[in-house]
């Protein structure tokens, strides 16, 4: 035990606190190094056209299709079955240079099905 004035501090507790601080710091560094981007970061990108052709997955990580068009309000996705989905860009959860994850469940995709599906 270490005596610090009127408070006795257990060395084991100090070590645990240091370990916790170290873990939090390393996790914070990992987040800073992450290559994924949030919607806020995407909205500040002036090159949204770079997302055309990227793979899109749902929040359940199932394949949705590929981006065929994007603007500031909507992202248009072509599914492999030639179905077209038009999803508001605010549903983009993250983008990691390879794929875009949208914050929509598979069971609600029918809401975003385009009337003009490709033949």
C-alpha atoms as a PDB file:
ATOM      1  CA  UNK A   1       0.000   0.000   0.000  1.00  0.00           C
ATOM      2  CA  UNK A   2       1.131   3.545  -0.732  1.00  0.00           C
ATOM      3  CA  UNK A   3       0.227   6.230   1.705  1.00  0.00           C
ATOM      4  CA  UNK A   4      -0.686   9.550   0.134  1.00  0.00           C
ATOM      5  CA  UNK A   5      -1.596  12.021   2.877  1.00  0.00           C
ATOM      6  CA  UNK A   6      -4.802  10.851   4.491  1.00  0.00           C
ATOM      7  CA  UNK A   7      -5.624   8.561   1.542  1.00  0.00           C
ATOM      8  CA  UNK A   8      -4.207   5.089   1.171  1.00  0.00           C
ATOM      9  CA  UNK A   9      -3.919   4.090  -2.480  1.00  0.00           C
ATOM     10  CA  UNK A  10      -3.592   0.473  -3.369  1.00  0.00           C
ATOM     11  CA  UNK A  11      -0.758  -0.137  -5.888  1.00  0.00           C
ATOM     12  CA  UNK A  12      -2.908  -2.711  -7.664  1.00  0.00           C
ATOM     13  CA  UNK A  13      -5.647  -0.135  -8.243  1.00  0.00           C
ATOM     14  CA  UNK A  14      -3.073   2.311  -9.606  1.00  0.00           C
ATOM     15  CA  UNK A  15      -1.796  -0.306 -12.033  1.00  0.00           C
ATOM     16  CA  UNK A  16      -5.327  -1.135 -13.160  1.00  0.00           C
ATOM     17  CA  UNK A  17      -6.093   2.551 -13.734  1.00  0.00           C
ATOM     18  CA  UNK A  18      -2.895   3.003 -15.762  1.00  0.00           C
ATOM     19  CA  UNK A  19      -3.765  -0.059 -17.813  1.00  0.00           C
ATOM     20  CA  UNK A  20      -7.269   1.258 -18.462  1.00  0.00           C
ATOM     21  CA  UNK A  21      -5.943   4.668 -19.535  1.00  0.00           C
ATOM     22  CA  UNK A  22      -3.451   2.968 -21.828  1.00  0.00           C
ATOM     23  CA  UNK A  23      -6.196   0.841 -23.400  1.00  0.00           C
ATOM     24  CA  UNK A  24      -8.461   3.851 -23.957  1.00  0.00           C
ATOM     25  CA  UNK A  25      -5.586   5.807 -25.506  1.00  0.00           C
ATOM     26  CA  UNK A  26      -4.690   2.966 -27.873  1.00  0.00           C
ATOM     27  CA  UNK A  27      -8.351   2.563 -28.925  1.00  0.00           C
ATOM     28  CA  UNK A  28      -8.582   6.299 -29.572  1.00  0.00           C
ATOM     29  CA  UNK A  29      -5.476   6.089 -31.755  1.00  0.00           C
ATOM     30  CA  UNK A  30      -6.972   3.157 -33.681  1.00  0.00           C
ATOM     31  CA  UNK A  31     -10.120   5.178 -34.349  1.00  0.00           C
ATOM     32  CA  UNK A  32      -8.020   8.078 -35.643  1.00  0.00           C
ATOM     33  CA  UNK A  33      -6.180   5.708 -38.004  1.00  0.00           C
ATOM     34  CA  UNK A  34      -9.368   4.103 -39.292  1.00  0.00           C
ATOM     35  CA  UNK A  35      -9.804   4.341 -43.033  1.00  0.00           C
ATOM     36  CA  UNK A  36     -13.590   4.301 -42.875  1.00  0.00           C
ATOM     37  CA  UNK A  37     -15.480   7.538 -43.222  1.00  0.00           C
ATOM     38  CA  UNK A  38     -18.719   8.647 -41.674  1.00  0.00           C
ATOM     39  CA  UNK A  39     -21.532  10.450 -43.450  1.00  0.00           C
ATOM     40  CA  UNK A  40     -20.355  13.793 -42.073  1.00  0.00           C
ATOM     41  CA  UNK A  41     -16.960  13.229 -43.653  1.00  0.00           C
ATOM     42  CA  UNK A  42     -18.576  12.117 -46.911  1.00  0.00           C
ATOM     43  CA  UNK A  43     -20.723  15.233 -47.113  1.00  0.00           C
ATOM     44  CA  UNK A  44     -17.568  17.337 -46.925  1.00  0.00           C
ATOM     45  CA  UNK A  45     -16.008  15.395 -49.790  1.00  0.00           C
ATOM     46  CA  UNK A  46     -16.227  17.212 -53.066  1.00  0.00           C
ATOM     47  CA  UNK A  47     -15.651  14.017 -55.011  1.00  0.00           C
ATOM     48  CA  UNK A  48     -18.782  11.989 -54.329  1.00  0.00           C
ATOM     49  CA  UNK A  49     -18.487  10.741 -57.905  1.00  0.00           C
ATOM     50  CA  UNK A  50     -15.605   8.552 -56.691  1.00  0.00           C
ATOM     51  CA  UNK A  51     -18.212   6.400 -54.941  1.00  0.00           C
ATOM     52  CA  UNK A  52     -19.759   5.346 -58.250  1.00  0.00           C
ATOM     53  CA  UNK A  53     -19.002   1.678 -58.843  1.00  0.00           C
ATOM     54  CA  UNK A  54     -18.363   0.924 -55.163  1.00  0.00           C
ATOM     55  CA  UNK A  55     -19.984  -2.065 -53.490  1.00  0.00           C
ATOM     56  CA  UNK A  56     -22.872  -1.386 -51.092  1.00  0.00           C
ATOM     57  CA  UNK A  57     -23.854  -3.527 -48.097  1.00  0.00           C
ATOM     58  CA  UNK A  58     -26.706  -3.252 -45.610  1.00  0.00           C
ATOM     59  CA  UNK A  59     -26.287  -2.841 -41.859  1.00  0.00           C
ATOM     60  CA  UNK A  60     -26.534  -6.641 -41.621  1.00  0.00           C
ATOM     61  CA  UNK A  61     -23.520  -6.836 -43.963  1.00  0.00           C
ATOM     62  CA  UNK A  62     -25.438  -8.466 -46.793  1.00  0.00           C
ATOM     63  CA  UNK A  63     -24.664  -7.513 -50.365  1.00  0.00           C
ATOM     64  CA  UNK A  64     -26.968  -4.863 -51.817  1.00  0.00           C
ATOM     65  CA  UNK A  65     -25.318  -3.993 -55.133  1.00  0.00           C
ATOM     66  CA  UNK A  66     -23.144  -1.296 -56.678  1.00  0.00           C
ATOM     67  CA  UNK A  67     -23.493   2.488 -56.802  1.00  0.00           C
ATOM     68  CA  UNK A  68     -24.527   3.669 -60.266  1.00  0.00           C
ATOM     69  CA  UNK A  69     -25.244   7.315 -59.358  1.00  0.00           C
ATOM     70  CA  UNK A  70     -24.881   9.605 -56.356  1.00  0.00           C
ATOM     71  CA  UNK A  71     -25.594  13.209 -55.507  1.00  0.00           C
ATOM     72  CA  UNK A  72     -25.883  15.121 -52.238  1.00  0.00           C
ATOM     73  CA  UNK A  73     -29.369  13.772 -51.519  1.00  0.00           C
ATOM     74  CA  UNK A  74     -29.604  10.264 -52.993  1.00  0.00           C
ATOM     75  CA  UNK A  75     -27.497   7.251 -53.826  1.00  0.00           C
ATOM     76  CA  UNK A  76     -28.730   4.947 -56.609  1.00  0.00           C
ATOM     77  CA  UNK A  77     -27.763   1.300 -56.284  1.00  0.00           C
ATOM     78  CA  UNK A  78     -28.090  -1.444 -58.873  1.00  0.00           C
ATOM     79  CA  UNK A  79     -28.671  -4.887 -57.396  1.00  0.00           C
ATOM     80  CA  UNK A  80     -27.416  -7.965 -59.232  1.00  0.00           C
ATOM     81  CA  UNK A  81     -31.032  -8.911 -59.988  1.00  0.00           C
ATOM     82  CA  UNK A  82     -31.324  -5.648 -61.974  1.00  0.00           C
ATOM     83  CA  UNK A  83     -33.416  -4.036 -59.234  1.00  0.00           C
ATOM     84  CA  UNK A  84     -32.629  -0.409 -58.581  1.00  0.00           C
ATOM     85  CA  UNK A  85     -32.700   1.166 -55.121  1.00  0.00           C
ATOM     86  CA  UNK A  86     -32.719   4.911 -54.461  1.00  0.00           C
ATOM     87  CA  UNK A  87     -31.603   5.595 -50.901  1.00  0.00           C
ATOM     88  CA  UNK A  88     -31.160   8.979 -49.186  1.00  0.00           C
ATOM     89  CA  UNK A  89     -27.478   9.704 -48.539  1.00  0.00           C
ATOM     90  CA  UNK A  90     -28.139  10.283 -44.847  1.00  0.00           C
ATOM     91  CA  UNK A  91     -28.433   6.484 -44.545  1.00  0.00           C
ATOM     92  CA  UNK A  92     -24.763   6.042 -45.415  1.00  0.00           C
ATOM     93  CA  UNK A  93     -23.184   4.749 -42.220  1.00  0.00           C
ATOM     94  CA  UNK A  94     -19.571   4.455 -43.387  1.00  0.00           C
ATOM     95  CA  UNK A  95     -17.277   4.131 -46.365  1.00  0.00           C
ATOM     96  CA  UNK A  96     -13.930   2.352 -46.189  1.00  0.00           C
ATOM     97  CA  UNK A  97     -12.507   2.805 -49.722  1.00  0.00           C
ATOM     98  CA  UNK A  98     -13.909  -0.609 -50.772  1.00  0.00           C
ATOM     99  CA  UNK A  99     -17.541  -0.653 -49.721  1.00  0.00           C
ATOM    100  CA  UNK A 100     -20.316   1.574 -48.492  1.00  0.00           C
ATOM    101  CA  UNK A 101     -22.455   0.475 -45.571  1.00  0.00           C
ATOM    102  CA  UNK A 102     -25.992   1.826 -45.442  1.00  0.00           C
ATOM    103  CA  UNK A 103     -27.950   2.001 -42.221  1.00  0.00           C
ATOM    104  CA  UNK A 104     -30.949   0.122 -43.605  1.00  0.00           C
ATOM    105  CA  UNK A 105     -32.081  -3.366 -42.710  1.00  0.00           C
ATOM    106  CA  UNK A 106     -32.762  -5.948 -45.422  1.00  0.00           C
ATOM    107  CA  UNK A 107     -36.395  -6.124 -44.379  1.00  0.00           C
ATOM    108  CA  UNK A 108     -36.957  -2.419 -45.143  1.00  0.00           C
ATOM    109  CA  UNK A 109     -35.246  -2.280 -48.529  1.00  0.00           C
ATOM    110  CA  UNK A 110     -38.556  -2.527 -50.359  1.00  0.00           C
ATOM    111  CA  UNK A 111     -39.242   1.077 -49.298  1.00  0.00           C
ATOM    112  CA  UNK A 112     -36.361   2.219 -51.492  1.00  0.00           C
ATOM    113  CA  UNK A 113     -37.037   0.075 -54.535  1.00  0.00           C
ATOM    114  CA  UNK A 114     -37.150   2.247 -57.637  1.00  0.00           C
ATOM    115  CA  UNK A 115     -40.227   2.156 -59.844  1.00  0.00           C
ATOM    116  CA  UNK A 116     -37.969   2.099 -62.892  1.00  0.00           C
ATOM    117  CA  UNK A 117     -36.091  -1.184 -62.610  1.00  0.00           C
ATOM    118  CA  UNK A 118     -33.794  -2.095 -65.432  1.00  0.00           C
ATOM    119  CA  UNK A 119     -34.892  -4.858 -67.755  1.00  0.00           C
END
